PDB file of N, CA and C in Angstrom:
ATOM      1  N   MET A   1       0.841  -1.179   0.000  1.00  0.00           N
ATOM      2  CA  MET A   1       0.000   0.000   0.000  1.00  0.00           C
ATOM      3  C   MET A   1       0.879   1.234   0.000  1.00  0.00           C
ATOM      4  N   GLU A   2       0.382   2.253  -0.584  1.00  0.00           N
ATOM      5  CA  GLU A   2       1.133   3.490  -0.666  1.00  0.00           C
ATOM      6  C   GLU A   2       0.503   4.546   0.228  1.00  0.00           C
ATOM      7  N   SER A   3       1.064   5.728   0.252  1.00  0.00           N
ATOM      8  CA  SER A   3       0.595   6.777   1.146  1.00  0.00           C
ATOM      9  C   SER A   3      -0.819   7.239   0.806  1.00  0.00           C
ATOM     10  N   LEU A   4      -1.220   7.092  -0.438  1.00  0.00           N
ATOM     11  CA  LEU A   4      -2.572   7.458  -0.825  1.00  0.00           C
ATOM     12  C   LEU A   4      -3.590   6.606  -0.073  1.00  0.00           C
ATOM     13  N   SER A   5      -3.272   5.360   0.158  1.00  0.00           N
ATOM     14  CA  SER A   5      -4.196   4.463   0.832  1.00  0.00           C
ATOM     15  C   SER A   5      -4.347   4.786   2.309  1.00  0.00           C
ATOM     16  N   LEU A   6      -3.431   5.553   2.874  1.00  0.00           N
ATOM     17  CA  LEU A   6      -3.545   5.959   4.268  1.00  0.00           C
ATOM     18  C   LEU A   6      -4.806   6.785   4.475  1.00  0.00           C
ATOM     19  N   ARG A   7      -5.170   7.569   3.485  1.00  0.00           N
ATOM     20  CA  ARG A   7      -6.395   8.372   3.546  1.00  0.00           C
ATOM     21  C   ARG A   7      -7.618   7.458   3.677  1.00  0.00           C
ATOM     22  N   TYR A   8      -7.617   6.360   2.965  1.00  0.00           N
ATOM     23  CA  TYR A   8      -8.739   5.414   3.029  1.00  0.00           C
ATOM     24  C   TYR A   8      -8.749   4.659   4.351  1.00  0.00           C
ATOM     25  N   LEU A   9      -7.576   4.457   4.933  1.00  0.00           N
ATOM     26  CA  LEU A   9      -7.497   3.760   6.213  1.00  0.00           C
ATOM     27  C   LEU A   9      -8.015   4.642   7.340  1.00  0.00           C
ATOM     28  N   LEU A  10      -7.653   5.910   7.345  1.00  0.00           N
ATOM     29  CA  LEU A  10      -8.047   6.807   8.431  1.00  0.00           C
ATOM     30  C   LEU A  10      -9.461   7.350   8.287  1.00  0.00           C
ATOM     31  N   LEU A  11      -9.927   7.510   7.061  1.00  0.00           N
ATOM     32  CA  LEU A  11     -11.272   8.020   6.817  1.00  0.00           C
ATOM     33  C   LEU A  11     -12.007   7.088   5.851  1.00  0.00           C
ATOM     34  N   PRO A  12     -12.401   5.903   6.316  1.00  0.00           N
ATOM     35  CA  PRO A  12     -12.998   4.923   5.409  1.00  0.00           C
ATOM     36  C   PRO A  12     -14.446   5.202   5.032  1.00  0.00           C
ATOM     37  N   PHE A  13     -15.077   6.136   5.696  1.00  0.00           N
ATOM     38  CA  PHE A  13     -16.479   6.412   5.421  1.00  0.00           C
ATOM     39  C   PHE A  13     -16.638   7.910   5.234  1.00  0.00           C
ATOM     40  N   SER A  14     -17.750   8.301   4.627  1.00  0.00           N
ATOM     41  CA  SER A  14     -17.962   9.722   4.358  1.00  0.00           C
ATOM     42  C   SER A  14     -18.636  10.378   5.553  1.00  0.00           C
ATOM     43  N   PHE A  15     -18.409  11.663   5.659  1.00  0.00           N
ATOM     44  CA  PHE A  15     -19.008  12.432   6.742  1.00  0.00           C
ATOM     45  C   PHE A  15     -20.138  13.323   6.257  1.00  0.00           C
ATOM     46  N   GLY A  16     -20.529  13.154   4.997  1.00  0.00           N
ATOM     47  CA  GLY A  16     -21.598  13.978   4.430  1.00  0.00           C
ATOM     48  C   GLY A  16     -22.948  13.618   5.027  1.00  0.00           C
ATOM     49  N   SER A  17     -23.860  14.546   4.926  1.00  0.00           N
ATOM     50  CA  SER A  17     -25.191  14.274   5.443  1.00  0.00           C
ATOM     51  C   SER A  17     -26.068  13.739   4.318  1.00  0.00           C
ATOM     52  N   ASP A  18     -27.187  13.180   4.680  1.00  0.00           N
ATOM     53  CA  ASP A  18     -28.112  12.652   3.678  1.00  0.00           C
ATOM     54  C   ASP A  18     -28.878  13.773   2.976  1.00  0.00           C
ATOM     55  N   LEU A  19     -28.897  14.949   3.573  1.00  0.00           N
ATOM     56  CA  LEU A  19     -29.614  16.060   2.968  1.00  0.00           C
ATOM     57  C   LEU A  19     -28.857  16.625   1.775  1.00  0.00           C
ATOM     58  N   LEU A  20     -27.549  16.657   1.872  1.00  0.00           N
ATOM     59  CA  LEU A  20     -26.730  17.174   0.787  1.00  0.00           C
ATOM     60  C   LEU A  20     -26.069  16.009   0.071  1.00  0.00           C
ATOM     61  N   HIS A  21     -26.229  15.934  -1.219  1.00  0.00           N
ATOM     62  CA  HIS A  21     -25.653  14.841  -1.992  1.00  0.00           C
ATOM     63  C   HIS A  21     -24.266  15.245  -2.496  1.00  0.00           C
ATOM     64  N   VAL A  22     -23.375  15.441  -1.553  1.00  0.00           N
ATOM     65  CA  VAL A  22     -22.005  15.822  -1.878  1.00  0.00           C
ATOM     66  C   VAL A  22     -21.162  14.560  -1.855  1.00  0.00           C
ATOM     67  N   LYS A  23     -20.413  14.346  -2.927  1.00  0.00           N
ATOM     68  CA  LYS A  23     -19.563  13.153  -2.990  1.00  0.00           C
ATOM     69  C   LYS A  23     -18.362  13.336  -2.086  1.00  0.00           C
ATOM     70  N   ASP A  24     -17.997  12.280  -1.423  1.00  0.00           N
ATOM     71  CA  ASP A  24     -16.823  12.273  -0.589  1.00  0.00           C
ATOM     72  C   ASP A  24     -15.584  12.219  -1.476  1.00  0.00           C
ATOM     73  N   TYR A  25     -14.486  12.769  -1.004  1.00  0.00           N
ATOM     74  CA  TYR A  25     -13.249  12.763  -1.782  1.00  0.00           C
ATOM     75  C   TYR A  25     -12.808  11.341  -2.102  1.00  0.00           C
ATOM     76  N   ASN A  26     -12.938  10.443  -1.146  1.00  0.00           N
ATOM     77  CA  ASN A  26     -12.543   9.051  -1.385  1.00  0.00           C
ATOM     78  C   ASN A  26     -13.369   8.412  -2.494  1.00  0.00           C
ATOM     79  N   ASP A  27     -14.660   8.710  -2.527  1.00  0.00           N
ATOM     80  CA  ASP A  27     -15.518   8.140  -3.569  1.00  0.00           C
ATOM     81  C   ASP A  27     -15.124   8.647  -4.952  1.00  0.00           C
ATOM     82  N   THR A  28     -14.821   9.931  -5.060  1.00  0.00           N
ATOM     83  CA  THR A  28     -14.424  10.464  -6.361  1.00  0.00           C
ATOM     84  C   THR A  28     -13.079   9.892  -6.801  1.00  0.00           C
ATOM     85  N   GLU A  29     -12.183   9.646  -5.854  1.00  0.00           N
ATOM     86  CA  GLU A  29     -10.901   9.040  -6.194  1.00  0.00           C
ATOM     87  C   GLU A  29     -11.095   7.602  -6.674  1.00  0.00           C
ATOM     88  N   LEU A  30     -11.978   6.863  -6.035  1.00  0.00           N
ATOM     89  CA  LEU A  30     -12.253   5.493  -6.472  1.00  0.00           C
ATOM     90  C   LEU A  30     -12.812   5.480  -7.895  1.00  0.00           C
ATOM     91  N   GLU A  31     -13.709   6.409  -8.186  1.00  0.00           N
ATOM     92  CA  GLU A  31     -14.253   6.492  -9.536  1.00  0.00           C
ATOM     93  C   GLU A  31     -13.164   6.847 -10.548  1.00  0.00           C
ATOM     94  N   ARG A  32     -12.257   7.724 -10.156  1.00  0.00           N
ATOM     95  CA  ARG A  32     -11.172   8.116 -11.049  1.00  0.00           C
ATOM     96  C   ARG A  32     -10.246   6.941 -11.322  1.00  0.00           C
ATOM     97  N   PHE A  33      -9.977   6.130 -10.295  1.00  0.00           N
ATOM     98  CA  PHE A  33      -9.125   4.953 -10.484  1.00  0.00           C
ATOM     99  C   PHE A  33      -9.721   4.010 -11.522  1.00  0.00           C
ATOM    100  N   ILE A  34     -11.031   3.800 -11.454  1.00  0.00           N
ATOM    101  CA  ILE A  34     -11.696   2.918 -12.409  1.00  0.00           C
ATOM    102  C   ILE A  34     -11.698   3.541 -13.804  1.00  0.00           C
ATOM    103  N   LYS A  35     -11.988   4.838 -13.864  1.00  0.00           N
ATOM    104  CA  LYS A  35     -12.084   5.521 -15.152  1.00  0.00           C
ATOM    105  C   LYS A  35     -10.778   5.472 -15.935  1.00  0.00           C
ATOM    106  N   TYR A  36      -9.654   5.648 -15.238  1.00  0.00           N
ATOM    107  CA  TYR A  36      -8.361   5.699 -15.920  1.00  0.00           C
ATOM    108  C   TYR A  36      -7.600   4.377 -15.872  1.00  0.00           C
ATOM    109  N   GLY A  37      -8.223   3.330 -15.358  1.00  0.00           N
ATOM    110  CA  GLY A  37      -7.632   2.001 -15.418  1.00  0.00           C
ATOM    111  C   GLY A  37      -6.596   1.693 -14.360  1.00  0.00           C
ATOM    112  N   TYR A  38      -6.646   2.389 -13.237  1.00  0.00           N
ATOM    113  CA  TYR A  38      -5.719   2.106 -12.147  1.00  0.00           C
ATOM    114  C   TYR A  38      -6.317   1.013 -11.255  1.00  0.00           C
ATOM    115  N   ILE A  39      -6.343  -0.192 -11.757  1.00  0.00           N
ATOM    116  CA  ILE A  39      -6.998  -1.296 -11.067  1.00  0.00           C
ATOM    117  C   ILE A  39      -6.279  -1.641  -9.761  1.00  0.00           C
ATOM    118  N   LYS A  40      -4.955  -1.670  -9.779  1.00  0.00           N
ATOM    119  CA  LYS A  40      -4.194  -2.006  -8.570  1.00  0.00           C
ATOM    120  C   LYS A  40      -4.425  -0.961  -7.476  1.00  0.00           C
ATOM    121  N   LYS A  41      -4.446   0.319  -7.850  1.00  0.00           N
ATOM    122  CA  LYS A  41      -4.716   1.365  -6.861  1.00  0.00           C
ATOM    123  C   LYS A  41      -6.135   1.229  -6.308  1.00  0.00           C
ATOM    124  N   PHE A  42      -7.076   0.891  -7.182  1.00  0.00           N
ATOM    125  CA  PHE A  42      -8.459   0.714  -6.751  1.00  0.00           C
ATOM    126  C   PHE A  42      -8.560  -0.428  -5.742  1.00  0.00           C
ATOM    127  N   GLU A  43      -7.910  -1.546  -6.048  1.00  0.00           N
ATOM    128  CA  GLU A  43      -7.947  -2.693  -5.137  1.00  0.00           C
ATOM    129  C   GLU A  43      -7.277  -2.364  -3.808  1.00  0.00           C
ATOM    130  N   ASP A  44      -6.147  -1.662  -3.843  1.00  0.00           N
ATOM    131  CA  ASP A  44      -5.467  -1.271  -2.606  1.00  0.00           C
ATOM    132  C   ASP A  44      -6.329  -0.329  -1.775  1.00  0.00           C
ATOM    133  N   ALA A  45      -7.028   0.593  -2.434  1.00  0.00           N
ATOM    134  CA  ALA A  45      -7.879   1.537  -1.724  1.00  0.00           C
ATOM    135  C   ALA A  45      -9.055   0.822  -1.064  1.00  0.00           C
ATOM    136  N   ILE A  46      -9.633  -0.158  -1.740  1.00  0.00           N
ATOM    137  CA  ILE A  46     -10.744  -0.918  -1.163  1.00  0.00           C
ATOM    138  C   ILE A  46     -10.268  -1.706   0.055  1.00  0.00           C
ATOM    139  N   ILE A  47      -9.094  -2.321  -0.037  1.00  0.00           N
ATOM    140  CA  ILE A  47      -8.539  -3.061   1.098  1.00  0.00           C
ATOM    141  C   ILE A  47      -8.286  -2.120   2.272  1.00  0.00           C
ATOM    142  N   ALA A  48      -7.698  -0.951   2.002  1.00  0.00           N
ATOM    143  CA  ALA A  48      -7.421   0.018   3.063  1.00  0.00           C
ATOM    144  C   ALA A  48      -8.717   0.523   3.687  1.00  0.00           C
ATOM    145  N   LYS A  49      -9.743   0.692   2.863  1.00  0.00           N
ATOM    146  CA  LYS A  49     -11.037   1.150   3.377  1.00  0.00           C
ATOM    147  C   LYS A  49     -11.647   0.111   4.320  1.00  0.00           C
ATOM    148  N   LYS A  50     -11.556  -1.158   3.944  1.00  0.00           N
ATOM    149  CA  LYS A  50     -12.073  -2.229   4.803  1.00  0.00           C
ATOM    150  C   LYS A  50     -11.286  -2.315   6.112  1.00  0.00           C
ATOM    151  N   LEU A  51      -9.963  -2.192   6.029  1.00  0.00           N
ATOM    152  CA  LEU A  51      -9.146  -2.222   7.240  1.00  0.00           C
ATOM    153  C   LEU A  51      -9.441  -1.026   8.141  1.00  0.00           C
ATOM    154  N   GLY A  52      -9.732   0.111   7.540  1.00  0.00           N
ATOM    155  CA  GLY A  52     -10.094   1.294   8.321  1.00  0.00           C
ATOM    156  C   GLY A  52     -11.396   1.103   9.069  1.00  0.00           C
ATOM    157  N   ILE A  53     -12.363   0.477   8.423  1.00  0.00           N
ATOM    158  CA  ILE A  53     -13.641   0.211   9.089  1.00  0.00           C
ATOM    159  C   ILE A  53     -13.430  -0.758  10.254  1.00  0.00           C
ATOM    160  N   ILE A  54     -12.641  -1.780  10.033  1.00  0.00           N
ATOM    161  CA  ILE A  54     -12.339  -2.737  11.101  1.00  0.00           C
ATOM    162  C   ILE A  54     -11.625  -2.033  12.253  1.00  0.00           C
ATOM    163  N   PHE A  55     -10.684  -1.144  11.926  1.00  0.00           N
ATOM    164  CA  PHE A  55      -9.956  -0.392  12.947  1.00  0.00           C
ATOM    165  C   PHE A  55     -10.911   0.421  13.815  1.00  0.00           C
ATOM    166  N   TYR A  56     -11.850   1.137  13.175  1.00  0.00           N
ATOM    167  CA  TYR A  56     -12.788   1.951  13.948  1.00  0.00           C
ATOM    168  C   TYR A  56     -13.811   1.116  14.700  1.00  0.00           C
ATOM    169  N   LEU A  57     -14.051  -0.097  14.280  1.00  0.00           N
ATOM    170  CA  LEU A  57     -14.929  -0.984  15.045  1.00  0.00           C
ATOM    171  C   LEU A  57     -14.202  -1.582  16.246  1.00  0.00           C
ATOM    172  N   LEU A  58     -12.899  -1.735  16.153  1.00  0.00           N
ATOM    173  CA  LEU A  58     -12.126  -2.310  17.250  1.00  0.00           C
ATOM    174  C   LEU A  58     -11.826  -1.307  18.368  1.00  0.00           C
ATOM    175  N   ILE A  59     -11.803  -0.022  18.068  1.00  0.00           N
ATOM    176  CA  ILE A  59     -11.501   0.982  19.089  1.00  0.00           C
ATOM    177  C   ILE A  59     -12.467   0.907  20.270  1.00  0.00           C
ATOM    178  N   PRO A  60     -13.805   0.904  20.063  1.00  0.00           N
ATOM    179  CA  PRO A  60     -14.703   0.794  21.221  1.00  0.00           C
ATOM    180  C   PRO A  60     -14.519  -0.519  21.992  1.00  0.00           C
ATOM    181  N   LEU A  61     -14.225  -1.596  21.275  1.00  0.00           N
ATOM    182  CA  LEU A  61     -14.012  -2.872  21.937  1.00  0.00           C
ATOM    183  C   LEU A  61     -12.774  -2.813  22.831  1.00  0.00           C
ATOM    184  N   ILE A  62     -11.721  -2.234  22.344  1.00  0.00           N
ATOM    185  CA  ILE A  62     -10.494  -2.097  23.134  1.00  0.00           C
ATOM    186  C   ILE A  62     -10.734  -1.194  24.341  1.00  0.00           C
ATOM    187  N   LEU A  63     -11.445  -0.095  24.141  1.00  0.00           N
ATOM    188  CA  LEU A  63     -11.750   0.793  25.254  1.00  0.00           C
ATOM    189  C   LEU A  63     -12.634   0.110  26.287  1.00  0.00           C
ATOM    190  N   LEU A  64     -13.584  -0.669  25.836  1.00  0.00           N
ATOM    191  CA  LEU A  64     -14.458  -1.388  26.741  1.00  0.00           C
ATOM    192  C   LEU A  64     -13.675  -2.417  27.559  1.00  0.00           C
ATOM    193  N   LEU A  65     -12.821  -3.153  26.911  1.00  0.00           N
ATOM    194  CA  LEU A  65     -12.034  -4.174  27.611  1.00  0.00           C
ATOM    195  C   LEU A  65     -11.002  -3.565  28.551  1.00  0.00           C
ATOM    196  N   SER A  66     -10.520  -2.375  28.233  1.00  0.00           N
ATOM    197  CA  SER A  66      -9.532  -1.749  29.093  1.00  0.00           C
ATOM    198  C   SER A  66     -10.143  -1.195  30.377  1.00  0.00           C
ATOM    199  N   THR A  67     -11.451  -0.991  30.408  1.00  0.00           N
ATOM    200  CA  THR A  67     -12.096  -0.473  31.608  1.00  0.00           C
ATOM    201  C   THR A  67     -12.556  -1.575  32.556  1.00  0.00           C
ATOM    202  N   LEU A  68     -12.468  -2.804  32.120  1.00  0.00           N
ATOM    203  CA  LEU A  68     -12.918  -3.910  32.979  1.00  0.00           C
ATOM    204  C   LEU A  68     -11.906  -4.258  34.026  1.00  0.00           C
TER     205      LEU A  68
END
């Protein structure tokens, strides 16, 4: 993975509201990767996004276990 994928790891989901249909930067980058044929970058970004979601799901679990 490269430094670009760090963005997907730290911010795997969008912060936009449902009222405004503003595309997230990560989503536009994923579309650009597909449009210009950067398949390897697209796959790396998807993997980093999944790992980021797992990371943010593990934080509450770690905090919960540390208070016991």
